[in-house]
Amino acid sequence: MASNDSTVPVFGLPGSKFYILHIAAISSLSISIFTSSGVLIYLFVTSTVKNLWKKPIGERLVVYLAVYDLCFSVTHELDHGYMLAVLDNPPDPVCMPFAFFLQTFIMAQALLVLFTSVNAMYMVVLEKRLNLGERDWKLFAITLGVPVTVGFIGVAVPFLGPTGSWCMVDMRPWYGPIVNTVYGMTMVLVFAVNAVCYGAIYLRIRRAAMKTAASSSNQGNKYHKAAKLMMLFVAVYLFQWWTYVAQALWSFAGPPAVELYILSVFLINLGGVYNALVYTIIRKKYSGAAADSEEASTRKAHATDSTAPG
C-alpha cells in the first residue's frame, strides 16, 4: 500500500496551514542544526574526543544531547522538506527510514533526560553518582539500545509510516491510532516523571540550603550543586515538550487546536538552541568553580609560605 493513500490526508491541504506548518518546521530545524553543529564544532576544536570522557557529566550530556538533536533535526528537516516539495506524504521506502530515525532520536533524548532526572535525584538523596561504565557505555546502551529495538519492531510489524504531517506512526493500519496513543502516553509519562523529579529535587535542595550554614557538609553541597546543573537539562526538556504533552492530553477530548499544533512544531524543533543555552550556563558554572578552586589553592599556598620558618 502506498504511503500517499487517501486514508492518510495531508495536514493543511488544501489551504495555507500546510505551508505554515512545514515552513515553520524547516525554519526552526535549520536554526537548531546550525546551533547544535556550532556547539559540537566548538567542543571538538577546544578539546579532543579522548578528553571528552574526562569532562564533568554536565558537559558530556551537552555533547550527547547535541548529537541526538542534530540527528533528529537533519532527518526531520528532510522529512518536512520532502513533503513541502511534493505536497504529499512520502512513499513507504522514503517514509519508513525517516520514521525509524525520528522515533529513535526522539526516544533517545527522552531517555537521556530521564536519566538526568534520576541521576540528579540519586545525587541529592544518596549523595552518590550512578555508575555509567567506561566511557558511559551503560548510558548509551539504554538511550540508544531501547529506541533502536523499538524502531526495528516498528519496521517488522509495521507501525512506522505517514501521519499526514510527518513520518512517525503509520495511521493507515487499524492499530495505528492505538500505537500512536501508546507512544503519546509514554511521552506524557516521561514528562510527568521528569516534572516530579524536578519539583522534588528543587524542594530538597531548598530545604538543605536553609540548613547549609551550620550543618551541611561540603560533600553534600558538592552533590547539590551538580544536581542543580543537571536539572537545567530537565527544565529545558519540560519547556521543549510541554506543547506535545498538551496535544496528547487534549486529543482525548477532541482534535487539538491548530495554533497549538503549529506552536508545538516550532518549540520542539528548537532543541539545539536550548541545549546551547544550557551548555553556556554549565560552562560558566564549571569555569567559575575551577577559578574558585584555583584561587583557594593559591591562598592556601601563600598561607603556607608565610608560616614557613626563615
C-alpha atoms as a PDB file:
ATOM      1  CA  MET A   1       0.000   0.000   0.000  1.00  0.00           C
ATOM      2  CA  ALA A   2       1.440   3.372  -0.986  1.00  0.00           C
ATOM      3  CA  SER A   3       2.193   5.997   1.606  1.00  0.00           C
ATOM      4  CA  ASN A   4       0.108   8.592  -0.223  1.00  0.00           C
ATOM      5  CA  ASP A   5      -3.049   6.548   0.304  1.00  0.00           C
ATOM      6  CA  SER A   6      -6.100   8.783   0.691  1.00  0.00           C
ATOM      7  CA  THR A   7      -6.724   7.339   4.173  1.00  0.00           C
ATOM      8  CA  VAL A   8      -3.812   9.479   5.394  1.00  0.00           C
ATOM      9  CA  PRO A   9      -4.888  13.015   4.468  1.00  0.00           C
ATOM     10  CA  VAL A  10      -2.137  15.579   4.278  1.00  0.00           C
ATOM     11  CA  PHE A  11      -2.485  18.131   7.053  1.00  0.00           C
ATOM     12  CA  GLY A  12      -3.412  21.640   5.883  1.00  0.00           C
ATOM     13  CA  LEU A  13      -4.207  20.830   2.242  1.00  0.00           C
ATOM     14  CA  PRO A  14      -5.879  22.477   0.537  1.00  0.00           C
ATOM     15  CA  GLY A  15      -5.065  25.753   2.253  1.00  0.00           C
ATOM     16  CA  SER A  16      -2.253  27.756   3.802  1.00  0.00           C
ATOM     17  CA  LYS A  17      -1.857  25.748   7.022  1.00  0.00           C
ATOM     18  CA  PHE A  18       0.216  23.141   5.172  1.00  0.00           C
ATOM     19  CA  TYR A  19       2.787  25.755   4.196  1.00  0.00           C
ATOM     20  CA  ILE A  20       2.768  27.422   7.617  1.00  0.00           C
ATOM     21  CA  LEU A  21       3.422  24.063   9.290  1.00  0.00           C
ATOM     22  CA  HIS A  22       6.290  22.922   7.090  1.00  0.00           C
ATOM     23  CA  ILE A  23       7.958  26.314   6.655  1.00  0.00           C
ATOM     24  CA  ALA A  24       7.849  26.869  10.447  1.00  0.00           C
ATOM     25  CA  ALA A  25       9.310  23.393  10.983  1.00  0.00           C
ATOM     26  CA  ILE A  26      12.083  23.818   8.411  1.00  0.00           C
ATOM     27  CA  SER A  27      12.985  27.272   9.756  1.00  0.00           C
ATOM     28  CA  SER A  28      13.242  26.158  13.387  1.00  0.00           C
ATOM     29  CA  LEU A  29      15.055  22.940  12.454  1.00  0.00           C
ATOM     30  CA  SER A  30      17.611  24.912  10.407  1.00  0.00           C
ATOM     31  CA  ILE A  31      18.319  27.128  13.426  1.00  0.00           C
ATOM     32  CA  SER A  32      18.639  24.040  15.617  1.00  0.00           C
ATOM     33  CA  ILE A  33      21.012  22.309  13.178  1.00  0.00           C
ATOM     34  CA  PHE A  34      23.192  25.407  12.973  1.00  0.00           C
ATOM     35  CA  THR A  35      23.314  25.771  16.769  1.00  0.00           C
ATOM     36  CA  SER A  36      23.968  22.085  17.536  1.00  0.00           C
ATOM     37  CA  SER A  37      26.689  21.975  14.896  1.00  0.00           C
ATOM     38  CA  GLY A  38      28.267  25.091  16.374  1.00  0.00           C
ATOM     39  CA  VAL A  39      28.321  23.599  19.879  1.00  0.00           C
ATOM     40  CA  LEU A  40      29.876  20.344  18.647  1.00  0.00           C
ATOM     41  CA  ILE A  41      32.470  22.108  16.488  1.00  0.00           C
ATOM     42  CA  TYR A  42      33.443  24.357  19.403  1.00  0.00           C
ATOM     43  CA  LEU A  43      33.725  21.409  21.778  1.00  0.00           C
ATOM     44  CA  PHE A  44      35.868  19.326  19.476  1.00  0.00           C
ATOM     45  CA  VAL A  45      38.060  22.270  18.412  1.00  0.00           C
ATOM     46  CA  THR A  46      38.795  23.163  22.040  1.00  0.00           C
ATOM     47  CA  SER A  47      39.095  19.564  23.161  1.00  0.00           C
ATOM     48  CA  THR A  48      39.682  16.057  21.823  1.00  0.00           C
ATOM     49  CA  VAL A  49      37.382  13.056  21.824  1.00  0.00           C
ATOM     50  CA  LYS A  50      39.726  11.363  24.288  1.00  0.00           C
ATOM     51  CA  ASN A  51      39.388  14.282  26.701  1.00  0.00           C
ATOM     52  CA  LEU A  52      35.606  14.201  26.417  1.00  0.00           C
ATOM     53  CA  TRP A  53      35.377  11.316  28.881  1.00  0.00           C
ATOM     54  CA  LYS A  54      37.356  13.345  31.426  1.00  0.00           C
ATOM     55  CA  LYS A  55      34.882  16.220  31.378  1.00  0.00           C
ATOM     56  CA  PRO A  56      32.153  16.624  34.046  1.00  0.00           C
ATOM     57  CA  ILE A  57      28.934  14.744  33.376  1.00  0.00           C
ATOM     58  CA  GLY A  58      27.127  18.024  32.653  1.00  0.00           C
ATOM     59  CA  GLU A  59      29.396  18.832  29.705  1.00  0.00           C
ATOM     60  CA  ARG A  60      29.229  15.248  28.419  1.00  0.00           C
ATOM     61  CA  LEU A  61      25.438  15.360  28.490  1.00  0.00           C
ATOM     62  CA  VAL A  62      25.527  18.516  26.367  1.00  0.00           C
ATOM     63  CA  VAL A  63      27.552  16.656  23.737  1.00  0.00           C
ATOM     64  CA  TYR A  64      25.249  13.632  23.760  1.00  0.00           C
ATOM     65  CA  LEU A  65      22.116  15.765  23.539  1.00  0.00           C
ATOM     66  CA  ALA A  66      23.636  17.879  20.762  1.00  0.00           C
ATOM     67  CA  VAL A  67      24.437  14.749  18.727  1.00  0.00           C
ATOM     68  CA  TYR A  68      20.980  13.253  19.289  1.00  0.00           C
ATOM     69  CA  ASP A  69      19.271  16.545  18.470  1.00  0.00           C
ATOM     70  CA  LEU A  70      21.393  17.048  15.356  1.00  0.00           C
ATOM     71  CA  CYS A  71      20.441  13.593  14.040  1.00  0.00           C
ATOM     72  CA  PHE A  72      16.781  14.263  14.820  1.00  0.00           C
ATOM     73  CA  SER A  73      16.841  17.733  13.232  1.00  0.00           C
ATOM     74  CA  VAL A  74      18.556  16.666   9.994  1.00  0.00           C
ATOM     75  CA  THR A  75      16.161  13.740   9.500  1.00  0.00           C
ATOM     76  CA  HIS A  76      13.123  15.818  10.383  1.00  0.00           C
ATOM     77  CA  GLU A  77      14.115  18.663   8.057  1.00  0.00           C
ATOM     78  CA  LEU A  78      14.494  16.204   5.178  1.00  0.00           C
ATOM     79  CA  ASP A  79      11.064  14.820   6.060  1.00  0.00           C
ATOM     80  CA  HIS A  80       9.368  18.235   6.074  1.00  0.00           C
ATOM     81  CA  GLY A  81      11.322  19.342   3.009  1.00  0.00           C
ATOM     82  CA  TYR A  82      10.153  16.318   1.046  1.00  0.00           C
ATOM     83  CA  MET A  83       6.509  16.960   1.912  1.00  0.00           C
ATOM     84  CA  LEU A  84       6.821  20.645   1.063  1.00  0.00           C
ATOM     85  CA  ALA A  85       8.360  19.759  -2.304  1.00  0.00           C
ATOM     86  CA  VAL A  86       5.813  17.133  -3.398  1.00  0.00           C
ATOM     87  CA  LEU A  87       2.748  18.387  -1.427  1.00  0.00           C
ATOM     88  CA  ASP A  88       2.082  14.849  -0.253  1.00  0.00           C
ATOM     89  CA  ASN A  89       3.181  12.147   2.191  1.00  0.00           C
ATOM     90  CA  PRO A  90       6.475  10.456   1.287  1.00  0.00           C
ATOM     91  CA  PRO A  91       6.180   6.957  -0.240  1.00  0.00           C
ATOM     92  CA  ASP A  92       6.873   3.972   2.028  1.00  0.00           C
ATOM     93  CA  PRO A  93      10.534   3.406   1.020  1.00  0.00           C
ATOM     94  CA  VAL A  94      11.253   7.033   1.975  1.00  0.00           C
ATOM     95  CA  CYS A  95       8.879   7.478   4.906  1.00  0.00           C
ATOM     96  CA  MET A  96       9.854   4.375   6.871  1.00  0.00           C
ATOM     97  CA  PRO A  97      13.567   5.304   7.248  1.00  0.00           C
ATOM     98  CA  PHE A  98      12.511   8.835   8.228  1.00  0.00           C
ATOM     99  CA  ALA A  99      10.148   7.423  10.858  1.00  0.00           C
ATOM    100  CA  PHE A 100      12.772   4.962  12.134  1.00  0.00           C
ATOM    101  CA  PHE A 101      15.390   7.641  12.789  1.00  0.00           C
ATOM    102  CA  LEU A 102      12.898  10.197  14.108  1.00  0.00           C
ATOM    103  CA  GLN A 103      11.384   7.892  16.712  1.00  0.00           C
ATOM    104  CA  THR A 104      14.872   6.649  17.626  1.00  0.00           C
ATOM    105  CA  PHE A 105      16.263  10.084  18.407  1.00  0.00           C
ATOM    106  CA  ILE A 106      13.070  11.437  19.990  1.00  0.00           C
ATOM    107  CA  MET A 107      13.095   8.485  22.386  1.00  0.00           C
ATOM    108  CA  ALA A 108      16.870   8.720  22.869  1.00  0.00           C
ATOM    109  CA  GLN A 109      16.591  12.343  24.011  1.00  0.00           C
ATOM    110  CA  ALA A 110      13.667  11.485  26.303  1.00  0.00           C
ATOM    111  CA  LEU A 111      15.594   8.624  27.929  1.00  0.00           C
ATOM    112  CA  LEU A 112      18.730  10.744  28.289  1.00  0.00           C
ATOM    113  CA  VAL A 113      16.834  13.489  30.101  1.00  0.00           C
ATOM    114  CA  LEU A 114      15.043  10.855  32.205  1.00  0.00           C
ATOM    115  CA  PHE A 115      18.457   9.513  33.230  1.00  0.00           C
ATOM    116  CA  THR A 116      19.477  13.053  34.136  1.00  0.00           C
ATOM    117  CA  SER A 117      16.472  13.377  36.450  1.00  0.00           C
ATOM    118  CA  VAL A 118      17.127  10.024  38.114  1.00  0.00           C
ATOM    119  CA  ASN A 119      20.842  10.740  38.472  1.00  0.00           C
ATOM    120  CA  ALA A 120      20.141  14.151  39.999  1.00  0.00           C
ATOM    121  CA  MET A 121      17.688  12.562  42.441  1.00  0.00           C
ATOM    122  CA  TYR A 122      20.281   9.914  43.279  1.00  0.00           C
ATOM    123  CA  MET A 123      22.894  12.590  44.000  1.00  0.00           C
ATOM    124  CA  VAL A 124      20.595  14.658  46.193  1.00  0.00           C
ATOM    125  CA  VAL A 125      19.138  11.772  48.198  1.00  0.00           C
ATOM    126  CA  LEU A 126      22.101   9.382  48.466  1.00  0.00           C
ATOM    127  CA  GLU A 127      24.917  11.832  47.628  1.00  0.00           C
ATOM    128  CA  LYS A 128      26.287   9.389  45.065  1.00  0.00           C
ATOM    129  CA  ARG A 129      26.508   9.231  41.285  1.00  0.00           C
ATOM    130  CA  LEU A 130      25.170   6.455  39.095  1.00  0.00           C
ATOM    131  CA  ASN A 131      27.844   4.214  37.591  1.00  0.00           C
ATOM    132  CA  LEU A 132      27.717   4.761  33.812  1.00  0.00           C
ATOM    133  CA  GLY A 133      30.514   2.346  32.978  1.00  0.00           C
ATOM    134  CA  GLU A 134      33.654   3.053  30.989  1.00  0.00           C
ATOM    135  CA  ARG A 135      33.030   5.874  28.513  1.00  0.00           C
ATOM    136  CA  ASP A 136      29.369   5.946  29.580  1.00  0.00           C
ATOM    137  CA  TRP A 137      28.561   2.693  27.748  1.00  0.00           C
ATOM    138  CA  LYS A 138      25.658   1.895  30.079  1.00  0.00           C
ATOM    139  CA  LEU A 139      24.050   5.230  29.246  1.00  0.00           C
ATOM    140  CA  PHE A 140      24.378   4.573  25.502  1.00  0.00           C
ATOM    141  CA  ALA A 141      23.075   1.019  25.882  1.00  0.00           C
ATOM    142  CA  ILE A 142      19.828   2.397  27.319  1.00  0.00           C
ATOM    143  CA  THR A 143      19.369   5.661  25.415  1.00  0.00           C
ATOM    144  CA  LEU A 144      20.197   4.155  22.010  1.00  0.00           C
ATOM    145  CA  GLY A 145      19.616   0.435  22.537  1.00  0.00           C
ATOM    146  CA  VAL A 146      15.969   0.751  23.589  1.00  0.00           C
ATOM    147  CA  PRO A 147      14.899   3.178  20.792  1.00  0.00           C
ATOM    148  CA  VAL A 148      16.688   1.179  18.084  1.00  0.00           C
ATOM    149  CA  THR A 149      14.975  -2.006  19.296  1.00  0.00           C
ATOM    150  CA  VAL A 150      11.587  -0.259  19.196  1.00  0.00           C
ATOM    151  CA  GLY A 151      12.435   1.009  15.715  1.00  0.00           C
ATOM    152  CA  PHE A 152      13.176  -2.481  14.381  1.00  0.00           C
ATOM    153  CA  ILE A 153       9.906  -3.704  15.882  1.00  0.00           C
ATOM    154  CA  GLY A 154       8.177  -0.802  14.137  1.00  0.00           C
ATOM    155  CA  VAL A 155       9.659  -1.867  10.804  1.00  0.00           C
ATOM    156  CA  ALA A 156       8.740  -5.538  11.340  1.00  0.00           C
ATOM    157  CA  VAL A 157       5.119  -5.053  12.491  1.00  0.00           C
ATOM    158  CA  PRO A 158       4.981  -2.468  10.760  1.00  0.00           C
ATOM    159  CA  PHE A 159       3.769   0.636  12.572  1.00  0.00           C
ATOM    160  CA  LEU A 160       6.140   3.273  11.165  1.00  0.00           C
ATOM    161  CA  GLY A 161       4.881   5.444   8.322  1.00  0.00           C
ATOM    162  CA  PRO A 162       2.993   8.635   7.421  1.00  0.00           C
ATOM    163  CA  THR A 163       0.924  10.660   9.860  1.00  0.00           C
ATOM    164  CA  GLY A 164      -0.183  13.313   7.377  1.00  0.00           C
ATOM    165  CA  SER A 165       2.204  15.901   8.821  1.00  0.00           C
ATOM    166  CA  TRP A 166       5.459  13.960   9.015  1.00  0.00           C
ATOM    167  CA  CYS A 167       6.704  10.375   9.218  1.00  0.00           C
ATOM    168  CA  MET A 168       6.305   8.616  12.549  1.00  0.00           C
ATOM    169  CA  VAL A 169       3.416   6.276  13.411  1.00  0.00           C
ATOM    170  CA  ASP A 170       1.629   4.862  10.364  1.00  0.00           C
ATOM    171  CA  MET A 171      -2.028   5.824  10.719  1.00  0.00           C
ATOM    172  CA  ARG A 172      -3.304   3.510   7.915  1.00  0.00           C
ATOM    173  CA  PRO A 173      -3.499   0.159   9.779  1.00  0.00           C
ATOM    174  CA  TRP A 174      -6.351  -0.360  12.257  1.00  0.00           C
ATOM    175  CA  TYR A 175      -3.800  -0.420  15.091  1.00  0.00           C
ATOM    176  CA  GLY A 176      -2.128   2.832  14.011  1.00  0.00           C
ATOM    177  CA  PRO A 177      -4.188   5.089  16.319  1.00  0.00           C
ATOM    178  CA  ILE A 178      -3.606   2.655  19.205  1.00  0.00           C
ATOM    179  CA  VAL A 179       0.176   2.710  18.706  1.00  0.00           C
ATOM    180  CA  ASN A 180       0.072   6.495  18.387  1.00  0.00           C
ATOM    181  CA  THR A 181      -1.846   6.754  21.680  1.00  0.00           C
ATOM    182  CA  VAL A 182       0.586   4.409  23.458  1.00  0.00           C
ATOM    183  CA  TYR A 183       3.553   6.384  22.123  1.00  0.00           C
ATOM    184  CA  GLY A 184       1.959   9.676  23.129  1.00  0.00           C
ATOM    185  CA  MET A 185       1.121   8.482  26.637  1.00  0.00           C
ATOM    186  CA  THR A 186       4.683   7.168  27.050  1.00  0.00           C
ATOM    187  CA  MET A 187       5.985  10.645  26.296  1.00  0.00           C
ATOM    188  CA  VAL A 188       3.444  12.087  28.759  1.00  0.00           C
ATOM    189  CA  LEU A 189       4.663   9.637  31.421  1.00  0.00           C
ATOM    190  CA  VAL A 190       8.318  10.565  30.819  1.00  0.00           C
ATOM    191  CA  PHE A 191       7.342  14.237  31.008  1.00  0.00           C
ATOM    192  CA  ALA A 192       5.469  13.654  34.283  1.00  0.00           C
ATOM    193  CA  VAL A 193       8.354  11.722  35.885  1.00  0.00           C
ATOM    194  CA  ASN A 194      10.790  14.477  34.911  1.00  0.00           C
ATOM    195  CA  ALA A 195       8.451  17.128  36.309  1.00  0.00           C
ATOM    196  CA  VAL A 196       8.018  15.270  39.614  1.00  0.00           C
ATOM    197  CA  CYS A 197      11.774  14.723  39.944  1.00  0.00           C
ATOM    198  CA  TYR A 198      12.423  18.369  39.170  1.00  0.00           C
ATOM    199  CA  GLY A 199       9.954  19.523  41.834  1.00  0.00           C
ATOM    200  CA  ALA A 200      11.209  17.044  44.454  1.00  0.00           C
ATOM    201  CA  ILE A 201      14.858  17.927  43.886  1.00  0.00           C
ATOM    202  CA  TYR A 202      14.114  21.651  43.985  1.00  0.00           C
ATOM    203  CA  LEU A 203      12.346  21.301  47.341  1.00  0.00           C
ATOM    204  CA  ARG A 204      15.076  19.034  48.733  1.00  0.00           C
ATOM    205  CA  ILE A 205      17.885  21.405  47.729  1.00  0.00           C
ATOM    206  CA  ARG A 206      15.949  24.419  49.019  1.00  0.00           C
ATOM    207  CA  ARG A 207      15.451  22.789  52.416  1.00  0.00           C
ATOM    208  CA  ALA A 208      19.121  21.809  52.527  1.00  0.00           C
ATOM    209  CA  ALA A 209      20.160  25.352  51.616  1.00  0.00           C
ATOM    210  CA  MET A 210      18.312  26.692  54.654  1.00  0.00           C
ATOM    211  CA  LYS A 211      20.452  24.465  56.895  1.00  0.00           C
ATOM    212  CA  THR A 212      23.698  24.701  54.957  1.00  0.00           C
ATOM    213  CA  ALA A 213      25.391  27.371  57.088  1.00  0.00           C
ATOM    214  CA  ALA A 214      25.808  25.125  60.118  1.00  0.00           C
ATOM    215  CA  SER A 215      25.027  21.535  59.296  1.00  0.00           C
ATOM    216  CA  SER A 216      25.567  20.657  55.608  1.00  0.00           C
ATOM    217  CA  SER A 217      28.809  19.033  54.620  1.00  0.00           C
ATOM    218  CA  ASN A 218      30.971  20.136  51.737  1.00  0.00           C
ATOM    219  CA  GLN A 219      30.355  16.760  50.124  1.00  0.00           C
ATOM    220  CA  GLY A 220      26.603  17.310  50.268  1.00  0.00           C
ATOM    221  CA  ASN A 221      26.954  20.823  48.867  1.00  0.00           C
ATOM    222  CA  LYS A 222      29.039  19.445  46.008  1.00  0.00           C
ATOM    223  CA  TYR A 223      26.347  16.954  45.017  1.00  0.00           C
ATOM    224  CA  HIS A 224      23.609  19.543  45.373  1.00  0.00           C
ATOM    225  CA  LYS A 225      25.453  21.937  43.052  1.00  0.00           C
ATOM    226  CA  ALA A 226      25.941  19.164  40.492  1.00  0.00           C
ATOM    227  CA  ALA A 227      22.270  18.223  40.748  1.00  0.00           C
ATOM    228  CA  LYS A 228      21.239  21.847  40.150  1.00  0.00           C
ATOM    229  CA  LEU A 229      23.245  21.938  36.928  1.00  0.00           C
ATOM    230  CA  MET A 230      21.836  18.625  35.748  1.00  0.00           C
ATOM    231  CA  MET A 231      18.288  19.796  36.408  1.00  0.00           C
ATOM    232  CA  LEU A 232      18.817  22.526  33.816  1.00  0.00           C
ATOM    233  CA  PHE A 233      18.502  19.783  31.202  1.00  0.00           C
ATOM    234  CA  VAL A 234      15.222  18.683  32.734  1.00  0.00           C
ATOM    235  CA  ALA A 235      13.842  22.235  32.865  1.00  0.00           C
ATOM    236  CA  VAL A 236      14.710  22.754  29.196  1.00  0.00           C
ATOM    237  CA  TYR A 237      13.148  19.414  28.241  1.00  0.00           C
ATOM    238  CA  LEU A 238       9.932  20.317  30.055  1.00  0.00           C
ATOM    239  CA  PHE A 239       9.793  23.648  28.202  1.00  0.00           C
ATOM    240  CA  GLN A 240      10.557  21.998  24.866  1.00  0.00           C
ATOM    241  CA  TRP A 241       7.921  19.259  25.086  1.00  0.00           C
ATOM    242  CA  TRP A 242       5.046  20.784  27.098  1.00  0.00           C
ATOM    243  CA  THR A 243       3.072  21.557  23.948  1.00  0.00           C
ATOM    244  CA  TYR A 244       3.338  17.933  22.797  1.00  0.00           C
ATOM    245  CA  VAL A 245       2.019  16.756  26.167  1.00  0.00           C
ATOM    246  CA  ALA A 246      -0.806  19.306  25.958  1.00  0.00           C
ATOM    247  CA  GLN A 247      -1.715  17.986  22.495  1.00  0.00           C
ATOM    248  CA  ALA A 248      -1.650  14.363  23.649  1.00  0.00           C
ATOM    249  CA  LEU A 249      -3.966  15.116  26.579  1.00  0.00           C
ATOM    250  CA  TRP A 250      -6.221  17.402  24.520  1.00  0.00           C
ATOM    251  CA  SER A 251      -6.676  14.670  21.881  1.00  0.00           C
ATOM    252  CA  PHE A 252      -8.692  12.594  24.385  1.00  0.00           C
ATOM    253  CA  ALA A 253     -11.360  15.309  24.378  1.00  0.00           C
ATOM    254  CA  GLY A 254     -11.152  16.199  20.695  1.00  0.00           C
ATOM    255  CA  PRO A 255      -8.824  17.453  17.967  1.00  0.00           C
ATOM    256  CA  PRO A 256      -6.214  19.859  19.422  1.00  0.00           C
ATOM    257  CA  ALA A 257      -6.253  23.469  18.248  1.00  0.00           C
ATOM    258  CA  VAL A 258      -4.264  24.109  15.085  1.00  0.00           C
ATOM    259  CA  GLU A 259      -2.494  27.022  16.781  1.00  0.00           C
ATOM    260  CA  LEU A 260      -1.180  24.683  19.494  1.00  0.00           C
ATOM    261  CA  TYR A 261      -0.012  22.257  16.802  1.00  0.00           C
ATOM    262  CA  ILE A 262       1.948  24.969  14.989  1.00  0.00           C
ATOM    263  CA  LEU A 263       3.420  26.244  18.268  1.00  0.00           C
ATOM    264  CA  SER A 264       4.427  22.685  19.149  1.00  0.00           C
ATOM    265  CA  VAL A 265       6.265  22.254  15.863  1.00  0.00           C
ATOM    266  CA  PHE A 266       8.210  25.463  16.411  1.00  0.00           C
ATOM    267  CA  LEU A 267       9.134  24.928  20.091  1.00  0.00           C
ATOM    268  CA  ILE A 268      10.063  21.248  19.836  1.00  0.00           C
ATOM    269  CA  ASN A 269      12.257  21.755  16.798  1.00  0.00           C
ATOM    270  CA  LEU A 270      14.440  24.362  18.545  1.00  0.00           C
ATOM    271  CA  GLY A 271      16.105  21.741  20.748  1.00  0.00           C
ATOM    272  CA  GLY A 272      19.596  22.657  19.565  1.00  0.00           C
ATOM    273  CA  VAL A 273      19.130  26.249  20.747  1.00  0.00           C
ATOM    274  CA  TYR A 274      18.027  25.121  24.213  1.00  0.00           C
ATOM    275  CA  ASN A 275      20.995  22.759  24.525  1.00  0.00           C
ATOM    276  CA  ALA A 276      23.373  25.568  23.540  1.00  0.00           C
ATOM    277  CA  LEU A 277      21.928  27.804  26.259  1.00  0.00           C
ATOM    278  CA  VAL A 278      22.350  25.024  28.820  1.00  0.00           C
ATOM    279  CA  TYR A 279      25.944  24.484  27.681  1.00  0.00           C
ATOM    280  CA  THR A 280      26.695  28.200  28.091  1.00  0.00           C
ATOM    281  CA  ILE A 281      25.347  28.193  31.645  1.00  0.00           C
ATOM    282  CA  ILE A 282      27.102  24.956  32.606  1.00  0.00           C
ATOM    283  CA  ARG A 283      30.375  26.069  31.056  1.00  0.00           C
ATOM    284  CA  LYS A 284      30.208  29.317  33.002  1.00  0.00           C
ATOM    285  CA  LYS A 285      29.440  27.480  36.253  1.00  0.00           C
ATOM    286  CA  TYR A 286      32.248  24.951  35.823  1.00  0.00           C
ATOM    287  CA  SER A 287      34.707  27.668  34.803  1.00  0.00           C
ATOM    288  CA  GLY A 288      33.723  29.680  37.866  1.00  0.00           C
ATOM    289  CA  ALA A 289      34.133  26.650  40.122  1.00  0.00           C
ATOM    290  CA  ALA A 290      37.556  25.930  38.654  1.00  0.00           C
ATOM    291  CA  ALA A 291      38.602  29.536  39.148  1.00  0.00           C
ATOM    292  CA  ASP A 292      37.405  29.493  42.767  1.00  0.00           C
ATOM    293  CA  SER A 293      39.292  26.251  43.386  1.00  0.00           C
ATOM    294  CA  GLU A 294      42.468  27.658  41.881  1.00  0.00           C
ATOM    295  CA  GLU A 295      42.118  30.853  43.944  1.00  0.00           C
ATOM    296  CA  ALA A 296      41.618  28.819  47.117  1.00  0.00           C
ATOM    297  CA  SER A 297      44.699  26.733  46.332  1.00  0.00           C
ATOM    298  CA  THR A 298      46.731  29.904  45.753  1.00  0.00           C
ATOM    299  CA  ARG A 299      45.613  31.407  49.064  1.00  0.00           C
ATOM    300  CA  LYS A 300      46.482  28.168  50.845  1.00  0.00           C
ATOM    301  CA  ALA A 301      49.933  28.113  49.256  1.00  0.00           C
ATOM    302  CA  HIS A 302      50.557  31.743  50.273  1.00  0.00           C
ATOM    303  CA  ALA A 303      49.453  30.980  53.808  1.00  0.00           C
ATOM    304  CA  THR A 304      51.839  28.027  53.976  1.00  0.00           C
ATOM    305  CA  ASP A 305      54.698  30.178  52.681  1.00  0.00           C
ATOM    306  CA  SER A 306      54.042  32.912  55.211  1.00  0.00           C
ATOM    307  CA  THR A 307      54.125  30.497  58.145  1.00  0.00           C
ATOM    308  CA  ALA A 308      57.257  28.682  56.956  1.00  0.00           C
ATOM    309  CA  PRO A 309      60.378  29.291  59.105  1.00  0.00           C
ATOM    310  CA  GLY A 310      63.118  31.564  57.842  1.00  0.00           C
END
